[in-house]
Amino acid sequence: MQEKNVGKIAEMLLSGGKMLSLHCAKCQSPLFEYEGRVVCPGCGEKTEVAKPEVKPVGEVSRIMLKKLDQLAMELEKETDRHAAAELLDLMKSILEVLEKLKVR
């Protein structure tokens, strides 16, 4: 990283840029996230920030309710006490997550 880039980096920080743990392939300056883009203050290279794909809470709840129903059917057929206890623990965990999703 060149000394002249230090001033540009300081400006980026002062203007609200968030320094990332990545470095520019061209000039080795640290990259910043600024206004929805990844920016290199050294050479001006810009790219879009990739947003992670997150499933909506409703879809997650639907999947968990389906899994809860499947576990209930398994529990109905189960004759071993230990296996039944494991199924109940799984069901309890799902219910706790569903309760937390309701709060959101």
PDB file of N, CA and C in Angstrom:
ATOM      1  N   MET A   1       0.858  -1.175   0.000  1.00  0.00           N
ATOM      2  CA  MET A   1       0.000   0.000   0.000  1.00  0.00           C
ATOM      3  C   MET A   1       0.900   1.233   0.000  1.00  0.00           C
ATOM      4  N   GLN A   2       0.577   2.203  -0.823  1.00  0.00           N
ATOM      5  CA  GLN A   2       1.384   3.414  -0.942  1.00  0.00           C
ATOM      6  C   GLN A   2       0.956   4.449   0.085  1.00  0.00           C
ATOM      7  N   GLU A   3       1.901   5.326   0.441  1.00  0.00           N
ATOM      8  CA  GLU A   3       1.635   6.369   1.437  1.00  0.00           C
ATOM      9  C   GLU A   3       0.498   7.298   1.017  1.00  0.00           C
ATOM     10  N   LYS A   4       0.390   7.598  -0.283  1.00  0.00           N
ATOM     11  CA  LYS A   4      -0.666   8.510  -0.741  1.00  0.00           C
ATOM     12  C   LYS A   4      -2.058   7.929  -0.498  1.00  0.00           C
ATOM     13  N   ASN A   5      -2.127   6.608  -0.399  1.00  0.00           N
ATOM     14  CA  ASN A   5      -3.422   5.967  -0.156  1.00  0.00           C
ATOM     15  C   ASN A   5      -3.891   6.133   1.285  1.00  0.00           C
ATOM     16  N   VAL A   6      -2.965   6.404   2.203  1.00  0.00           N
ATOM     17  CA  VAL A   6      -3.327   6.545   3.614  1.00  0.00           C
ATOM     18  C   VAL A   6      -4.325   7.684   3.788  1.00  0.00           C
ATOM     19  N   GLY A   7      -4.104   8.796   3.111  1.00  0.00           N
ATOM     20  CA  GLY A   7      -5.035   9.928   3.178  1.00  0.00           C
ATOM     21  C   GLY A   7      -6.400   9.570   2.627  1.00  0.00           C
ATOM     22  N   LYS A   8      -6.420   8.817   1.519  1.00  0.00           N
ATOM     23  CA  LYS A   8      -7.693   8.394   0.924  1.00  0.00           C
ATOM     24  C   LYS A   8      -8.438   7.444   1.861  1.00  0.00           C
ATOM     25  N   ILE A   9      -7.676   6.578   2.522  1.00  0.00           N
ATOM     26  CA  ILE A   9      -8.279   5.636   3.471  1.00  0.00           C
ATOM     27  C   ILE A   9      -8.873   6.396   4.651  1.00  0.00           C
ATOM     28  N   ALA A  10      -8.142   7.387   5.148  1.00  0.00           N
ATOM     29  CA  ALA A  10      -8.647   8.201   6.260  1.00  0.00           C
ATOM     30  C   ALA A  10      -9.927   8.926   5.858  1.00  0.00           C
ATOM     31  N   GLU A  11      -9.956   9.473   4.640  1.00  0.00           N
ATOM     32  CA  GLU A  11     -11.165  10.147   4.144  1.00  0.00           C
ATOM     33  C   GLU A  11     -12.343   9.183   4.079  1.00  0.00           C
ATOM     34  N   MET A  12     -12.082   7.963   3.617  1.00  0.00           N
ATOM     35  CA  MET A  12     -13.141   6.955   3.505  1.00  0.00           C
ATOM     36  C   MET A  12     -13.699   6.626   4.890  1.00  0.00           C
ATOM     37  N   LEU A  13     -12.831   6.482   5.876  1.00  0.00           N
ATOM     38  CA  LEU A  13     -13.282   6.204   7.243  1.00  0.00           C
ATOM     39  C   LEU A  13     -14.108   7.360   7.799  1.00  0.00           C
ATOM     40  N   LEU A  14     -13.630   8.574   7.591  1.00  0.00           N
ATOM     41  CA  LEU A  14     -14.329   9.748   8.110  1.00  0.00           C
ATOM     42  C   LEU A  14     -15.680   9.969   7.440  1.00  0.00           C
ATOM     43  N   SER A  15     -15.821   9.503   6.199  1.00  0.00           N
ATOM     44  CA  SER A  15     -17.094   9.688   5.495  1.00  0.00           C
ATOM     45  C   SER A  15     -18.077   8.552   5.759  1.00  0.00           C
ATOM     46  N   GLY A  16     -17.713   7.622   6.665  1.00  0.00           N
ATOM     47  CA  GLY A  16     -18.653   6.569   7.059  1.00  0.00           C
ATOM     48  C   GLY A  16     -18.409   5.226   6.421  1.00  0.00           C
ATOM     49  N   GLY A  17     -17.316   5.075   5.697  1.00  0.00           N
ATOM     50  CA  GLY A  17     -17.003   3.779   5.104  1.00  0.00           C
ATOM     51  C   GLY A  17     -16.612   2.768   6.166  1.00  0.00           C
ATOM     52  N   LYS A  18     -16.936   1.504   5.914  1.00  0.00           N
ATOM     53  CA  LYS A  18     -16.616   0.424   6.857  1.00  0.00           C
ATOM     54  C   LYS A  18     -15.476  -0.397   6.266  1.00  0.00           C
ATOM     55  N   MET A  19     -14.337  -0.421   6.968  1.00  0.00           N
ATOM     56  CA  MET A  19     -13.184  -1.163   6.464  1.00  0.00           C
ATOM     57  C   MET A  19     -13.451  -2.661   6.557  1.00  0.00           C
ATOM     58  N   LEU A  20     -13.184  -3.360   5.467  1.00  0.00           N
ATOM     59  CA  LEU A  20     -13.383  -4.803   5.400  1.00  0.00           C
ATOM     60  C   LEU A  20     -12.052  -5.521   5.629  1.00  0.00           C
ATOM     61  N   SER A  21     -12.121  -6.809   5.822  1.00  0.00           N
ATOM     62  CA  SER A  21     -10.902  -7.598   6.021  1.00  0.00           C
ATOM     63  C   SER A  21     -10.317  -8.063   4.693  1.00  0.00           C
ATOM     64  N   LEU A  22     -10.772  -7.493   3.596  1.00  0.00           N
ATOM     65  CA  LEU A  22     -10.310  -7.846   2.252  1.00  0.00           C
ATOM     66  C   LEU A  22      -9.410  -6.746   1.715  1.00  0.00           C
ATOM     67  N   HIS A  23      -8.545  -7.113   0.769  1.00  0.00           N
ATOM     68  CA  HIS A  23      -7.652  -6.142   0.149  1.00  0.00           C
ATOM     69  C   HIS A  23      -7.838  -6.149  -1.362  1.00  0.00           C
ATOM     70  N   CYS A  24      -7.569  -5.017  -1.981  1.00  0.00           N
ATOM     71  CA  CYS A  24      -7.691  -4.849  -3.422  1.00  0.00           C
ATOM     72  C   CYS A  24      -6.639  -5.704  -4.135  1.00  0.00           C
ATOM     73  N   ALA A  25      -7.056  -6.404  -5.174  1.00  0.00           N
ATOM     74  CA  ALA A  25      -6.132  -7.235  -5.942  1.00  0.00           C
ATOM     75  C   ALA A  25      -5.155  -6.377  -6.742  1.00  0.00           C
ATOM     76  N   LYS A  26      -5.557  -5.155  -7.089  1.00  0.00           N
ATOM     77  CA  LYS A  26      -4.702  -4.284  -7.905  1.00  0.00           C
ATOM     78  C   LYS A  26      -3.636  -3.571  -7.081  1.00  0.00           C
ATOM     79  N   CYS A  27      -4.047  -2.912  -5.975  1.00  0.00           N
ATOM     80  CA  CYS A  27      -3.105  -2.044  -5.250  1.00  0.00           C
ATOM     81  C   CYS A  27      -2.862  -2.469  -3.805  1.00  0.00           C
ATOM     82  N   GLN A  28      -3.512  -3.519  -3.345  1.00  0.00           N
ATOM     83  CA  GLN A  28      -3.359  -4.066  -1.992  1.00  0.00           C
ATOM     84  C   GLN A  28      -3.865  -3.155  -0.875  1.00  0.00           C
ATOM     85  N   SER A  29      -4.616  -2.118  -1.207  1.00  0.00           N
ATOM     86  CA  SER A  29      -5.236  -1.271  -0.183  1.00  0.00           C
ATOM     87  C   SER A  29      -6.406  -2.023   0.433  1.00  0.00           C
ATOM     88  N   PRO A  30      -6.735  -1.731   1.692  1.00  0.00           N
ATOM     89  CA  PRO A  30      -7.916  -2.376   2.279  1.00  0.00           C
ATOM     90  C   PRO A  30      -9.180  -1.904   1.564  1.00  0.00           C
ATOM     91  N   LEU A  31     -10.125  -2.823   1.406  1.00  0.00           N
ATOM     92  CA  LEU A  31     -11.399  -2.487   0.769  1.00  0.00           C
ATOM     93  C   LEU A  31     -12.371  -1.976   1.819  1.00  0.00           C
ATOM     94  N   PHE A  32     -13.307  -1.146   1.373  1.00  0.00           N
ATOM     95  CA  PHE A  32     -14.311  -0.553   2.247  1.00  0.00           C
ATOM     96  C   PHE A  32     -15.693  -0.823   1.688  1.00  0.00           C
ATOM     97  N   GLU A  33     -16.671  -0.962   2.597  1.00  0.00           N
ATOM     98  CA  GLU A  33     -18.074  -0.983   2.190  1.00  0.00           C
ATOM     99  C   GLU A  33     -18.587   0.436   2.386  1.00  0.00           C
ATOM    100  N   TYR A  34     -19.099   1.008   1.297  1.00  0.00           N
ATOM    101  CA  TYR A  34     -19.562   2.394   1.341  1.00  0.00           C
ATOM    102  C   TYR A  34     -20.749   2.544   0.403  1.00  0.00           C
ATOM    103  N   GLU A  35     -21.884   2.961   0.950  1.00  0.00           N
ATOM    104  CA  GLU A  35     -23.119   3.173   0.185  1.00  0.00           C
ATOM    105  C   GLU A  35     -23.497   1.952  -0.657  1.00  0.00           C
ATOM    106  N   GLY A  36     -23.425   0.770  -0.050  1.00  0.00           N
ATOM    107  CA  GLY A  36     -23.865  -0.457  -0.714  1.00  0.00           C
ATOM    108  C   GLY A  36     -22.882  -1.025  -1.714  1.00  0.00           C
ATOM    109  N   ARG A  37     -21.693  -0.487  -1.780  1.00  0.00           N
ATOM    110  CA  ARG A  37     -20.683  -0.982  -2.713  1.00  0.00           C
ATOM    111  C   ARG A  37     -19.390  -1.269  -1.964  1.00  0.00           C
ATOM    112  N   VAL A  38     -18.591  -2.161  -2.529  1.00  0.00           N
ATOM    113  CA  VAL A  38     -17.247  -2.392  -2.022  1.00  0.00           C
ATOM    114  C   VAL A  38     -16.327  -1.513  -2.852  1.00  0.00           C
ATOM    115  N   VAL A  39     -15.580  -0.653  -2.160  1.00  0.00           N
ATOM    116  CA  VAL A  39     -14.767   0.360  -2.833  1.00  0.00           C
ATOM    117  C   VAL A  39     -13.317   0.250  -2.379  1.00  0.00           C
ATOM    118  N   CYS A  40     -12.403   0.428  -3.323  1.00  0.00           N
ATOM    119  CA  CYS A  40     -10.990   0.543  -2.994  1.00  0.00           C
ATOM    120  C   CYS A  40     -10.636   2.022  -3.028  1.00  0.00           C
ATOM    121  N   PRO A  41     -10.261   2.612  -1.885  1.00  0.00           N
ATOM    122  CA  PRO A  41      -9.912   4.028  -1.886  1.00  0.00           C
ATOM    123  C   PRO A  41      -8.611   4.307  -2.634  1.00  0.00           C
ATOM    124  N   GLY A  42      -7.774   3.300  -2.799  1.00  0.00           N
ATOM    125  CA  GLY A  42      -6.494   3.476  -3.472  1.00  0.00           C
ATOM    126  C   GLY A  42      -6.621   3.663  -4.970  1.00  0.00           C
ATOM    127  N   CYS A  43      -7.332   2.766  -5.633  1.00  0.00           N
ATOM    128  CA  CYS A  43      -7.430   2.838  -7.096  1.00  0.00           C
ATOM    129  C   CYS A  43      -8.841   3.142  -7.585  1.00  0.00           C
ATOM    130  N   GLY A  44      -9.805   3.210  -6.679  1.00  0.00           N
ATOM    131  CA  GLY A  44     -11.166   3.573  -7.066  1.00  0.00           C
ATOM    132  C   GLY A  44     -12.015   2.434  -7.597  1.00  0.00           C
ATOM    133  N   GLU A  45     -11.511   1.222  -7.564  1.00  0.00           N
ATOM    134  CA  GLU A  45     -12.263   0.056  -8.037  1.00  0.00           C
ATOM    135  C   GLU A  45     -13.529  -0.118  -7.198  1.00  0.00           C
ATOM    136  N   LYS A  46     -14.686  -0.370  -7.864  1.00  0.00           N
ATOM    137  CA  LYS A  46     -15.964  -0.533  -7.153  1.00  0.00           C
ATOM    138  C   LYS A  46     -16.646  -1.818  -7.595  1.00  0.00           C
ATOM    139  N   THR A  47     -17.299  -2.488  -6.636  1.00  0.00           N
ATOM    140  CA  THR A  47     -18.120  -3.660  -6.932  1.00  0.00           C
ATOM    141  C   THR A  47     -19.349  -3.629  -6.044  1.00  0.00           C
ATOM    142  N   GLU A  48     -20.381  -4.365  -6.423  1.00  0.00           N
ATOM    143  CA  GLU A  48     -21.604  -4.465  -5.627  1.00  0.00           C
ATOM    144  C   GLU A  48     -21.367  -5.380  -4.433  1.00  0.00           C
ATOM    145  N   VAL A  49     -22.005  -5.072  -3.327  1.00  0.00           N
ATOM    146  CA  VAL A  49     -21.951  -5.932  -2.150  1.00  0.00           C
ATOM    147  C   VAL A  49     -22.975  -7.041  -2.346  1.00  0.00           C
ATOM    148  N   ALA A  50     -22.531  -8.286  -2.258  1.00  0.00           N
ATOM    149  CA  ALA A  50     -23.443  -9.417  -2.400  1.00  0.00           C
ATOM    150  C   ALA A  50     -24.224  -9.580  -1.105  1.00  0.00           C
ATOM    151  N   LYS A  51     -25.543  -9.556  -1.198  1.00  0.00           N
ATOM    152  CA  LYS A  51     -26.406  -9.738  -0.028  1.00  0.00           C
ATOM    153  C   LYS A  51     -26.675 -11.230   0.153  1.00  0.00           C
ATOM    154  N   PRO A  52     -26.483 -11.752   1.368  1.00  0.00           N
ATOM    155  CA  PRO A  52     -26.783 -13.164   1.585  1.00  0.00           C
ATOM    156  C   PRO A  52     -28.282 -13.421   1.440  1.00  0.00           C
ATOM    157  N   GLU A  53     -28.606 -14.560   0.851  1.00  0.00           N
ATOM    158  CA  GLU A  53     -30.013 -14.902   0.657  1.00  0.00           C
ATOM    159  C   GLU A  53     -30.571 -15.458   1.964  1.00  0.00           C
ATOM    160  N   VAL A  54     -31.592 -14.806   2.471  1.00  0.00           N
ATOM    161  CA  VAL A  54     -32.207 -15.203   3.734  1.00  0.00           C
ATOM    162  C   VAL A  54     -33.659 -15.570   3.466  1.00  0.00           C
ATOM    163  N   LYS A  55     -34.069 -16.717   3.995  1.00  0.00           N
ATOM    164  CA  LYS A  55     -35.461 -17.124   3.822  1.00  0.00           C
ATOM    165  C   LYS A  55     -36.350 -16.280   4.726  1.00  0.00           C
ATOM    166  N   PRO A  56     -37.512 -15.900   4.234  1.00  0.00           N
ATOM    167  CA  PRO A  56     -38.444 -15.141   5.070  1.00  0.00           C
ATOM    168  C   PRO A  56     -38.868 -15.959   6.287  1.00  0.00           C
ATOM    169  N   VAL A  57     -39.162 -15.258   7.374  1.00  0.00           N
ATOM    170  CA  VAL A  57     -39.542 -15.918   8.629  1.00  0.00           C
ATOM    171  C   VAL A  57     -40.741 -16.835   8.412  1.00  0.00           C
ATOM    172  N   GLY A  58     -41.686 -16.420   7.592  1.00  0.00           N
ATOM    173  CA  GLY A  58     -42.872 -17.238   7.338  1.00  0.00           C
ATOM    174  C   GLY A  58     -42.528 -18.581   6.723  1.00  0.00           C
ATOM    175  N   GLU A  59     -41.560 -18.578   5.810  1.00  0.00           N
ATOM    176  CA  GLU A  59     -41.158 -19.828   5.171  1.00  0.00           C
ATOM    177  C   GLU A  59     -40.427 -20.731   6.162  1.00  0.00           C
ATOM    178  N   VAL A  60     -39.591 -20.146   6.993  1.00  0.00           N
ATOM    179  CA  VAL A  60     -38.881 -20.921   8.012  1.00  0.00           C
ATOM    180  C   VAL A  60     -39.886 -21.535   8.983  1.00  0.00           C
ATOM    181  N   SER A  61     -40.874 -20.758   9.394  1.00  0.00           N
ATOM    182  CA  SER A  61     -41.911 -21.270  10.296  1.00  0.00           C
ATOM    183  C   SER A  61     -42.673 -22.418   9.657  1.00  0.00           C
ATOM    184  N   ARG A  62     -43.003 -22.272   8.383  1.00  0.00           N
ATOM    185  CA  ARG A  62     -43.740 -23.323   7.673  1.00  0.00           C
ATOM    186  C   ARG A  62     -42.928 -24.618   7.649  1.00  0.00           C
ATOM    187  N   ILE A  63     -41.641 -24.513   7.363  1.00  0.00           N
ATOM    188  CA  ILE A  63     -40.771 -25.692   7.316  1.00  0.00           C
ATOM    189  C   ILE A  63     -40.689 -26.349   8.691  1.00  0.00           C
ATOM    190  N   MET A  64     -40.562 -25.530   9.727  1.00  0.00           N
ATOM    191  CA  MET A  64     -40.440 -26.079  11.080  1.00  0.00           C
ATOM    192  C   MET A  64     -41.737 -26.733  11.536  1.00  0.00           C
ATOM    193  N   LEU A  65     -42.866 -26.160  11.174  1.00  0.00           N
ATOM    194  CA  LEU A  65     -44.152 -26.779  11.522  1.00  0.00           C
ATOM    195  C   LEU A  65     -44.319 -28.118  10.813  1.00  0.00           C
ATOM    196  N   LYS A  66     -43.863 -28.185   9.573  1.00  0.00           N
ATOM    197  CA  LYS A  66     -43.921 -29.447   8.830  1.00  0.00           C
ATOM    198  C   LYS A  66     -43.045 -30.496   9.517  1.00  0.00           C
ATOM    199  N   LYS A  67     -41.856 -30.089   9.940  1.00  0.00           N
ATOM    200  CA  LYS A  67     -40.950 -31.007  10.636  1.00  0.00           C
ATOM    201  C   LYS A  67     -41.547 -31.453  11.973  1.00  0.00           C
ATOM    202  N   LEU A  68     -42.201 -30.533  12.669  1.00  0.00           N
ATOM    203  CA  LEU A  68     -42.856 -30.851  13.936  1.00  0.00           C
ATOM    204  C   LEU A  68     -43.945 -31.901  13.721  1.00  0.00           C
ATOM    205  N   ASP A  69     -44.695 -31.766  12.656  1.00  0.00           N
ATOM    206  CA  ASP A  69     -45.746 -32.728  12.316  1.00  0.00           C
ATOM    207  C   ASP A  69     -45.139 -34.106  12.030  1.00  0.00           C
ATOM    208  N   GLN A  70     -44.023 -34.137  11.300  1.00  0.00           N
ATOM    209  CA  GLN A  70     -43.357 -35.405  11.001  1.00  0.00           C
ATOM    210  C   GLN A  70     -42.866 -36.085  12.281  1.00  0.00           C
ATOM    211  N   LEU A  71     -42.303 -35.283  13.181  1.00  0.00           N
ATOM    212  CA  LEU A  71     -41.827 -35.844  14.446  1.00  0.00           C
ATOM    213  C   LEU A  71     -42.982 -36.374  15.292  1.00  0.00           C
ATOM    214  N   ALA A  72     -44.120 -35.696  15.261  1.00  0.00           N
ATOM    215  CA  ALA A  72     -45.291 -36.156  16.012  1.00  0.00           C
ATOM    216  C   ALA A  72     -45.769 -37.510  15.487  1.00  0.00           C
ATOM    217  N   MET A  73     -45.725 -37.690  14.165  1.00  0.00           N
ATOM    218  CA  MET A  73     -46.122 -38.984  13.589  1.00  0.00           C
ATOM    219  C   MET A  73     -45.142 -40.078  14.000  1.00  0.00           C
ATOM    220  N   GLU A  74     -43.846 -39.750  14.038  1.00  0.00           N
ATOM    221  CA  GLU A  74     -42.848 -40.725  14.487  1.00  0.00           C
ATOM    222  C   GLU A  74     -43.065 -41.074  15.956  1.00  0.00           C
ATOM    223  N   LEU A  75     -43.362 -40.065  16.765  1.00  0.00           N
ATOM    224  CA  LEU A  75     -43.575 -40.271  18.197  1.00  0.00           C
ATOM    225  C   LEU A  75     -44.768 -41.196  18.440  1.00  0.00           C
ATOM    226  N   GLU A  76     -45.804 -41.044  17.641  1.00  0.00           N
ATOM    227  CA  GLU A  76     -47.004 -41.873  17.790  1.00  0.00           C
ATOM    228  C   GLU A  76     -46.684 -43.355  17.596  1.00  0.00           C
ATOM    229  N   LYS A  77     -45.746 -43.670  16.709  1.00  0.00           N
ATOM    230  CA  LYS A  77     -45.394 -45.060  16.416  1.00  0.00           C
ATOM    231  C   LYS A  77     -44.297 -45.600  17.339  1.00  0.00           C
ATOM    232  N   GLU A  78     -43.567 -44.701  17.993  1.00  0.00           N
ATOM    233  CA  GLU A  78     -42.396 -45.103  18.777  1.00  0.00           C
ATOM    234  C   GLU A  78     -42.801 -45.860  20.046  1.00  0.00           C
ATOM    235  N   THR A  79     -42.115 -46.978  20.319  1.00  0.00           N
ATOM    236  CA  THR A  79     -42.385 -47.758  21.524  1.00  0.00           C
ATOM    237  C   THR A  79     -41.224 -47.700  22.519  1.00  0.00           C
ATOM    238  N   ASP A  80     -40.047 -47.333  22.046  1.00  0.00           N
ATOM    239  CA  ASP A  80     -38.876 -47.229  22.916  1.00  0.00           C
ATOM    240  C   ASP A  80     -38.899 -45.890  23.651  1.00  0.00           C
ATOM    241  N   ARG A  81     -38.793 -45.957  24.998  1.00  0.00           N
ATOM    242  CA  ARG A  81     -38.875 -44.732  25.812  1.00  0.00           C
ATOM    243  C   ARG A  81     -37.760 -43.746  25.500  1.00  0.00           C
ATOM    244  N   HIS A  82     -36.546 -44.253  25.303  1.00  0.00           N
ATOM    245  CA  HIS A  82     -35.410 -43.364  25.044  1.00  0.00           C
ATOM    246  C   HIS A  82     -35.552 -42.667  23.685  1.00  0.00           C
ATOM    247  N   ALA A  83     -35.980 -43.411  22.698  1.00  0.00           N
ATOM    248  CA  ALA A  83     -36.190 -42.816  21.373  1.00  0.00           C
ATOM    249  C   ALA A  83     -37.321 -41.797  21.425  1.00  0.00           C
ATOM    250  N   ALA A  84     -38.366 -42.108  22.202  1.00  0.00           N
ATOM    251  CA  ALA A  84     -39.486 -41.174  22.352  1.00  0.00           C
ATOM    252  C   ALA A  84     -39.021 -39.894  23.044  1.00  0.00           C
ATOM    253  N   ALA A  85     -38.153 -40.038  24.045  1.00  0.00           N
ATOM    254  CA  ALA A  85     -37.630 -38.860  24.745  1.00  0.00           C
ATOM    255  C   ALA A  85     -36.801 -37.985  23.803  1.00  0.00           C
ATOM    256  N   GLU A  86     -36.026 -38.610  22.922  1.00  0.00           N
ATOM    257  CA  GLU A  86     -35.245 -37.846  21.943  1.00  0.00           C
ATOM    258  C   GLU A  86     -36.165 -37.080  20.991  1.00  0.00           C
ATOM    259  N   LEU A  87     -37.220 -37.741  20.551  1.00  0.00           N
ATOM    260  CA  LEU A  87     -38.180 -37.077  19.665  1.00  0.00           C
ATOM    261  C   LEU A  87     -38.831 -35.887  20.371  1.00  0.00           C
ATOM    262  N   LEU A  88     -39.178 -36.087  21.640  1.00  0.00           N
ATOM    263  CA  LEU A  88     -39.785 -34.991  22.406  1.00  0.00           C
ATOM    264  C   LEU A  88     -38.820 -33.817  22.581  1.00  0.00           C
ATOM    265  N   ASP A  89     -37.543 -34.120  22.781  1.00  0.00           N
ATOM    266  CA  ASP A  89     -36.539 -33.051  22.890  1.00  0.00           C
ATOM    267  C   ASP A  89     -36.442 -32.260  21.587  1.00  0.00           C
ATOM    268  N   LEU A  90     -36.456 -32.977  20.473  1.00  0.00           N
ATOM    269  CA  LEU A  90     -36.424 -32.300  19.174  1.00  0.00           C
ATOM    270  C   LEU A  90     -37.657 -31.416  18.986  1.00  0.00           C
ATOM    271  N   MET A  91     -38.798 -31.950  19.355  1.00  0.00           N
ATOM    272  CA  MET A  91     -40.045 -31.187  19.219  1.00  0.00           C
ATOM    273  C   MET A  91     -40.006 -29.937  20.099  1.00  0.00           C
ATOM    274  N   LYS A  92     -39.477 -30.092  21.315  1.00  0.00           N
ATOM    275  CA  LYS A  92     -39.368 -28.956  22.226  1.00  0.00           C
ATOM    276  C   LYS A  92     -38.464 -27.874  21.625  1.00  0.00           C
ATOM    277  N   SER A  93     -37.360 -28.283  21.029  1.00  0.00           N
ATOM    278  CA  SER A  93     -36.445 -27.322  20.400  1.00  0.00           C
ATOM    279  C   SER A  93     -37.127 -26.566  19.269  1.00  0.00           C
ATOM    280  N   ILE A  94     -37.885 -27.279  18.461  1.00  0.00           N
ATOM    281  CA  ILE A  94     -38.602 -26.635  17.356  1.00  0.00           C
ATOM    282  C   ILE A  94     -39.619 -25.639  17.895  1.00  0.00           C
ATOM    283  N   LEU A  95     -40.343 -26.035  18.938  1.00  0.00           N
ATOM    284  CA  LEU A  95     -41.335 -25.128  19.527  1.00  0.00           C
ATOM    285  C   LEU A  95     -40.678 -23.869  20.097  1.00  0.00           C
ATOM    286  N   GLU A  96     -39.500 -24.019  20.689  1.00  0.00           N
ATOM    287  CA  GLU A  96     -38.780 -22.852  21.218  1.00  0.00           C
ATOM    288  C   GLU A  96     -38.377 -21.898  20.095  1.00  0.00           C
ATOM    289  N   VAL A  97     -37.900 -22.447  18.992  1.00  0.00           N
ATOM    290  CA  VAL A  97     -37.519 -21.608  17.851  1.00  0.00           C
ATOM    291  C   VAL A  97     -38.746 -20.916  17.271  1.00  0.00           C
ATOM    292  N   LEU A  98     -39.840 -21.655  17.146  1.00  0.00           N
ATOM    293  CA  LEU A  98     -41.075 -21.053  16.625  1.00  0.00           C
ATOM    294  C   LEU A  98     -41.539 -19.907  17.522  1.00  0.00           C
ATOM    295  N   GLU A  99     -41.402 -20.070  18.825  1.00  0.00           N
ATOM    296  CA  GLU A  99     -41.780 -19.010  19.763  1.00  0.00           C
ATOM    297  C   GLU A  99     -40.897 -17.779  19.565  1.00  0.00           C
ATOM    298  N   LYS A 100     -39.610 -17.994  19.363  1.00  0.00           N
ATOM    299  CA  LYS A 100     -38.694 -16.874  19.126  1.00  0.00           C
ATOM    300  C   LYS A 100     -38.994 -16.183  17.800  1.00  0.00           C
ATOM    301  N   LEU A 101     -39.402 -16.946  16.804  1.00  0.00           N
ATOM    302  CA  LEU A 101     -39.745 -16.349  15.509  1.00  0.00           C
ATOM    303  C   LEU A 101     -40.991 -15.485  15.614  1.00  0.00           C
ATOM    304  N   LYS A 102     -41.902 -15.842  16.531  1.00  0.00           N
ATOM    305  CA  LYS A 102     -43.125 -15.051  16.731  1.00  0.00           C
ATOM    306  C   LYS A 102     -42.808 -13.662  17.251  1.00  0.00           C
ATOM    307  N   VAL A 103     -41.770 -13.565  18.074  1.00  0.00           N
ATOM    308  CA  VAL A 103     -41.390 -12.295  18.690  1.00  0.00           C
ATOM    309  C   VAL A 103     -40.909 -11.308  17.640  1.00  0.00           C
ATOM    310  N   ARG A 104     -40.308 -11.781  16.575  1.00  0.00           N
ATOM    311  CA  ARG A 104     -39.741 -10.906  15.539  1.00  0.00           C
ATOM    312  C   ARG A 104     -40.787 -10.202  14.780  1.00  0.00           C
TER     313      ARG A 104
END
